[in-house]
Amino acid sequence: MRHLWLDGFTRLELLKPQVDNSGYDLVLEANAVTRHIQLKASHHGSSPERSVNSS
């Protein structure tokens, strides 16, 4: 968001973030481009968990 602001994109929409057991989901839209972003975290020694929708 900071980079967009510095590049002159002053119109940025951020939908209300959702938090669930898979991570932190948010949607950003700027200049008619929409991005769906999922942030995840893990701790040292953990094993990756397969997503319910993965095949």
PDB file of N, CA and C in Angstrom:
ATOM      1  N   MET A   1       0.823  -1.183   0.000  1.00  0.00           N
ATOM      2  CA  MET A   1       0.000   0.000   0.000  1.00  0.00           C
ATOM      3  C   MET A   1       0.870   1.250   0.000  1.00  0.00           C
ATOM      4  N   ARG A   2       1.971   1.193   0.712  1.00  0.00           N
ATOM      5  CA  ARG A   2       2.866   2.345   0.756  1.00  0.00           C
ATOM      6  C   ARG A   2       3.438   2.628  -0.633  1.00  0.00           C
ATOM      7  N   HIS A   3       3.825   1.580  -1.350  1.00  0.00           N
ATOM      8  CA  HIS A   3       4.393   1.761  -2.684  1.00  0.00           C
ATOM      9  C   HIS A   3       3.375   2.365  -3.646  1.00  0.00           C
ATOM     10  N   LEU A   4       2.122   1.930  -3.553  1.00  0.00           N
ATOM     11  CA  LEU A   4       1.084   2.519  -4.404  1.00  0.00           C
ATOM     12  C   LEU A   4       0.924   4.001  -4.104  1.00  0.00           C
ATOM     13  N   TRP A   5       0.887   4.337  -2.830  1.00  0.00           N
ATOM     14  CA  TRP A   5       0.725   5.739  -2.426  1.00  0.00           C
ATOM     15  C   TRP A   5       1.882   6.595  -2.950  1.00  0.00           C
ATOM     16  N   LEU A   6       3.107   6.077  -2.815  1.00  0.00           N
ATOM     17  CA  LEU A   6       4.279   6.825  -3.284  1.00  0.00           C
ATOM     18  C   LEU A   6       4.320   6.945  -4.808  1.00  0.00           C
ATOM     19  N   ASP A   7       3.725   5.973  -5.509  1.00  0.00           N
ATOM     20  CA  ASP A   7       3.662   6.024  -6.974  1.00  0.00           C
ATOM     21  C   ASP A   7       2.494   6.860  -7.485  1.00  0.00           C
ATOM     22  N   GLY A   8       1.724   7.450  -6.585  1.00  0.00           N
ATOM     23  CA  GLY A   8       0.660   8.342  -6.991  1.00  0.00           C
ATOM     24  C   GLY A   8      -0.720   7.719  -7.074  1.00  0.00           C
ATOM     25  N   PHE A   9      -0.861   6.428  -6.722  1.00  0.00           N
ATOM     26  CA  PHE A   9      -2.180   5.797  -6.714  1.00  0.00           C
ATOM     27  C   PHE A   9      -2.840   6.121  -5.378  1.00  0.00           C
ATOM     28  N   THR A  10      -3.698   7.110  -5.388  1.00  0.00           N
ATOM     29  CA  THR A  10      -4.326   7.521  -4.134  1.00  0.00           C
ATOM     30  C   THR A  10      -5.669   6.836  -3.920  1.00  0.00           C
ATOM     31  N   ARG A  11      -6.162   6.150  -4.940  1.00  0.00           N
ATOM     32  CA  ARG A  11      -7.421   5.436  -4.772  1.00  0.00           C
ATOM     33  C   ARG A  11      -7.134   3.944  -4.659  1.00  0.00           C
ATOM     34  N   LEU A  12      -7.208   3.437  -3.461  1.00  0.00           N
ATOM     35  CA  LEU A  12      -6.955   2.035  -3.157  1.00  0.00           C
ATOM     36  C   LEU A  12      -8.088   1.529  -2.291  1.00  0.00           C
ATOM     37  N   GLU A  13      -8.677   0.416  -2.692  1.00  0.00           N
ATOM     38  CA  GLU A  13      -9.747  -0.174  -1.896  1.00  0.00           C
ATOM     39  C   GLU A  13      -9.238  -1.434  -1.226  1.00  0.00           C
ATOM     40  N   LEU A  14      -9.539  -1.571   0.048  1.00  0.00           N
ATOM     41  CA  LEU A  14      -9.166  -2.741   0.830  1.00  0.00           C
ATOM     42  C   LEU A  14     -10.440  -3.289   1.448  1.00  0.00           C
ATOM     43  N   LEU A  15     -10.822  -4.506   1.042  1.00  0.00           N
ATOM     44  CA  LEU A  15     -12.005  -5.118   1.631  1.00  0.00           C
ATOM     45  C   LEU A  15     -11.689  -5.575   3.048  1.00  0.00           C
ATOM     46  N   LYS A  16     -12.707  -5.721   3.851  1.00  0.00           N
ATOM     47  CA  LYS A  16     -12.518  -6.126   5.236  1.00  0.00           C
ATOM     48  C   LYS A  16     -11.786  -7.465   5.288  1.00  0.00           C
ATOM     49  N   PRO A  17     -10.645  -7.524   5.966  1.00  0.00           N
ATOM     50  CA  PRO A  17      -9.874  -8.773   6.033  1.00  0.00           C
ATOM     51  C   PRO A  17     -10.634  -9.865   6.783  1.00  0.00           C
ATOM     52  N   GLN A  18     -10.393 -11.102   6.395  1.00  0.00           N
ATOM     53  CA  GLN A  18     -10.975 -12.260   7.060  1.00  0.00           C
ATOM     54  C   GLN A  18      -9.842 -13.096   7.643  1.00  0.00           C
ATOM     55  N   VAL A  19     -10.032 -13.585   8.839  1.00  0.00           N
ATOM     56  CA  VAL A  19      -9.036 -14.436   9.488  1.00  0.00           C
ATOM     57  C   VAL A  19      -9.679 -15.789   9.768  1.00  0.00           C
ATOM     58  N   ASP A  20      -8.994 -16.870   9.359  1.00  0.00           N
ATOM     59  CA  ASP A  20      -9.463 -18.211   9.658  1.00  0.00           C
ATOM     60  C   ASP A  20      -8.256 -19.090   9.951  1.00  0.00           C
ATOM     61  N   ASN A  21      -8.478 -20.394  10.086  1.00  0.00           N
ATOM     62  CA  ASN A  21      -7.367 -21.277  10.438  1.00  0.00           C
ATOM     63  C   ASN A  21      -6.380 -21.460   9.287  1.00  0.00           C
ATOM     64  N   SER A  22      -6.705 -20.970   8.089  1.00  0.00           N
ATOM     65  CA  SER A  22      -5.794 -21.073   6.947  1.00  0.00           C
ATOM     66  C   SER A  22      -4.912 -19.841   6.792  1.00  0.00           C
ATOM     67  N   GLY A  23      -5.220 -18.771   7.494  1.00  0.00           N
ATOM     68  CA  GLY A  23      -4.402 -17.565   7.395  1.00  0.00           C
ATOM     69  C   GLY A  23      -5.236 -16.305   7.440  1.00  0.00           C
ATOM     70  N   TYR A  24      -4.669 -15.243   6.938  1.00  0.00           N
ATOM     71  CA  TYR A  24      -5.253 -13.902   6.952  1.00  0.00           C
ATOM     72  C   TYR A  24      -5.510 -13.523   5.501  1.00  0.00           C
ATOM     73  N   ASP A  25      -6.763 -13.399   5.103  1.00  0.00           N
ATOM     74  CA  ASP A  25      -7.130 -13.135   3.718  1.00  0.00           C
ATOM     75  C   ASP A  25      -7.563 -11.687   3.544  1.00  0.00           C
ATOM     76  N   LEU A  26      -7.076 -11.059   2.476  1.00  0.00           N
ATOM     77  CA  LEU A  26      -7.539  -9.714   2.162  1.00  0.00           C
ATOM     78  C   LEU A  26      -7.580  -9.517   0.652  1.00  0.00           C
ATOM     79  N   VAL A  27      -8.339  -8.524   0.236  1.00  0.00           N
ATOM     80  CA  VAL A  27      -8.483  -8.198  -1.179  1.00  0.00           C
ATOM     81  C   VAL A  27      -8.162  -6.721  -1.352  1.00  0.00           C
ATOM     82  N   LEU A  28      -7.254  -6.426  -2.291  1.00  0.00           N
ATOM     83  CA  LEU A  28      -6.877  -5.053  -2.617  1.00  0.00           C
ATOM     84  C   LEU A  28      -7.273  -4.761  -4.054  1.00  0.00           C
ATOM     85  N   GLU A  29      -7.748  -3.552  -4.302  1.00  0.00           N
ATOM     86  CA  GLU A  29      -8.046  -3.130  -5.662  1.00  0.00           C
ATOM     87  C   GLU A  29      -7.497  -1.728  -5.872  1.00  0.00           C
ATOM     88  N   ALA A  30      -6.718  -1.568  -6.967  1.00  0.00           N
ATOM     89  CA  ALA A  30      -6.167  -0.271  -7.318  1.00  0.00           C
ATOM     90  C   ALA A  30      -6.013  -0.219  -8.829  1.00  0.00           C
ATOM     91  N   ASN A  31      -6.422   0.897  -9.416  1.00  0.00           N
ATOM     92  CA  ASN A  31      -6.250   1.109 -10.849  1.00  0.00           C
ATOM     93  C   ASN A  31      -6.874  -0.025 -11.671  1.00  0.00           C
ATOM     94  N   ALA A  32      -8.072  -0.475 -11.266  1.00  0.00           N
ATOM     95  CA  ALA A  32      -8.844  -1.533 -11.931  1.00  0.00           C
ATOM     96  C   ALA A  32      -8.154  -2.899 -11.887  1.00  0.00           C
ATOM     97  N   VAL A  33      -7.224  -3.094 -10.961  1.00  0.00           N
ATOM     98  CA  VAL A  33      -6.559  -4.383 -10.772  1.00  0.00           C
ATOM     99  C   VAL A  33      -6.906  -4.886  -9.374  1.00  0.00           C
ATOM    100  N   THR A  34      -7.406  -6.128  -9.302  1.00  0.00           N
ATOM    101  CA  THR A  34      -7.796  -6.725  -8.034  1.00  0.00           C
ATOM    102  C   THR A  34      -6.825  -7.835  -7.679  1.00  0.00           C
ATOM    103  N   ARG A  35      -6.387  -7.864  -6.424  1.00  0.00           N
ATOM    104  CA  ARG A  35      -5.481  -8.894  -5.940  1.00  0.00           C
ATOM    105  C   ARG A  35      -6.054  -9.523  -4.677  1.00  0.00           C
ATOM    106  N   HIS A  36      -6.105 -10.858  -4.677  1.00  0.00           N
ATOM    107  CA  HIS A  36      -6.512 -11.624  -3.506  1.00  0.00           C
ATOM    108  C   HIS A  36      -5.231 -12.114  -2.848  1.00  0.00           C
ATOM    109  N   ILE A  37      -5.053 -11.774  -1.580  1.00  0.00           N
ATOM    110  CA  ILE A  37      -3.805 -12.054  -0.875  1.00  0.00           C
ATOM    111  C   ILE A  37      -4.105 -12.882   0.366  1.00  0.00           C
ATOM    112  N   GLN A  38      -3.329 -13.950   0.560  1.00  0.00           N
ATOM    113  CA  GLN A  38      -3.459 -14.741   1.776  1.00  0.00           C
ATOM    114  C   GLN A  38      -2.107 -14.774   2.472  1.00  0.00           C
ATOM    115  N   LEU A  39      -2.085 -14.307   3.699  1.00  0.00           N
ATOM    116  CA  LEU A  39      -0.867 -14.306   4.510  1.00  0.00           C
ATOM    117  C   LEU A  39      -0.918 -15.500   5.458  1.00  0.00           C
ATOM    118  N   LYS A  40       0.166 -16.242   5.513  1.00  0.00           N
ATOM    119  CA  LYS A  40       0.227 -17.402   6.400  1.00  0.00           C
ATOM    120  C   LYS A  40       1.464 -17.299   7.279  1.00  0.00           C
ATOM    121  N   ALA A  41       1.412 -17.959   8.396  1.00  0.00           N
ATOM    122  CA  ALA A  41       2.555 -17.995   9.299  1.00  0.00           C
ATOM    123  C   ALA A  41       2.698 -19.402   9.848  1.00  0.00           C
ATOM    124  N   SER A  42       3.922 -19.750  10.203  1.00  0.00           N
ATOM    125  CA  SER A  42       4.166 -21.041  10.834  1.00  0.00           C
ATOM    126  C   SER A  42       5.309 -20.868  11.821  1.00  0.00           C
ATOM    127  N   HIS A  43       5.501 -21.850  12.635  1.00  0.00           N
ATOM    128  CA  HIS A  43       6.607 -21.769  13.583  1.00  0.00           C
ATOM    129  C   HIS A  43       7.665 -22.799  13.218  1.00  0.00           C
ATOM    130  N   HIS A  44       8.868 -22.576  13.674  1.00  0.00           N
ATOM    131  CA  HIS A  44       9.991 -23.461  13.388  1.00  0.00           C
ATOM    132  C   HIS A  44       9.667 -24.884  13.853  1.00  0.00           C
ATOM    133  N   GLY A  45       9.862 -25.841  12.976  1.00  0.00           N
ATOM    134  CA  GLY A  45       9.609 -27.229  13.342  1.00  0.00           C
ATOM    135  C   GLY A  45       8.224 -27.715  12.967  1.00  0.00           C
ATOM    136  N   SER A  46       7.373 -26.838  12.460  1.00  0.00           N
ATOM    137  CA  SER A  46       6.029 -27.267  12.072  1.00  0.00           C
ATOM    138  C   SER A  46       6.075 -27.896  10.687  1.00  0.00           C
ATOM    139  N   SER A  47       5.087 -28.717  10.399  1.00  0.00           N
ATOM    140  CA  SER A  47       5.002 -29.308   9.065  1.00  0.00           C
ATOM    141  C   SER A  47       3.887 -28.609   8.300  1.00  0.00           C
ATOM    142  N   PRO A  48       4.038 -28.475   6.976  1.00  0.00           N
ATOM    143  CA  PRO A  48       2.997 -27.796   6.199  1.00  0.00           C
ATOM    144  C   PRO A  48       1.706 -28.605   6.211  1.00  0.00           C
ATOM    145  N   GLU A  49       0.598 -27.890   6.265  1.00  0.00           N
ATOM    146  CA  GLU A  49      -0.704 -28.542   6.290  1.00  0.00           C
ATOM    147  C   GLU A  49      -1.312 -28.459   4.907  1.00  0.00           C
ATOM    148  N   ARG A  50      -1.874 -29.540   4.420  1.00  0.00           N
ATOM    149  CA  ARG A  50      -2.518 -29.549   3.112  1.00  0.00           C
ATOM    150  C   ARG A  50      -3.842 -28.808   3.197  1.00  0.00           C
ATOM    151  N   SER A  51      -4.133 -28.041   2.167  1.00  0.00           N
ATOM    152  CA  SER A  51      -5.394 -27.322   2.096  1.00  0.00           C
ATOM    153  C   SER A  51      -6.523 -28.297   1.812  1.00  0.00           C
ATOM    154  N   VAL A  52      -7.712 -28.004   2.290  1.00  0.00           N
ATOM    155  CA  VAL A  52      -8.880 -28.852   2.054  1.00  0.00           C
ATOM    156  C   VAL A  52      -9.187 -28.937   0.574  1.00  0.00           C
ATOM    157  N   ASN A  53      -8.937 -27.842  -0.178  1.00  0.00           N
ATOM    158  CA  ASN A  53      -9.275 -27.803  -1.600  1.00  0.00           C
ATOM    159  C   ASN A  53      -8.150 -28.301  -2.501  1.00  0.00           C
ATOM    160  N   SER A  54      -6.997 -28.651  -1.974  1.00  0.00           N
ATOM    161  CA  SER A  54      -5.893 -29.092  -2.826  1.00  0.00           C
ATOM    162  C   SER A  54      -6.098 -30.530  -3.253  1.00  0.00           C
ATOM    163  N   SER A  55      -5.523 -30.868  -4.418  1.00  0.00           N
ATOM    164  CA  SER A  55      -5.691 -32.241  -4.907  1.00  0.00           C
ATOM    165  C   SER A  55      -4.361 -32.950  -5.008  1.00  0.00           C
TER     166      SER A  55
END
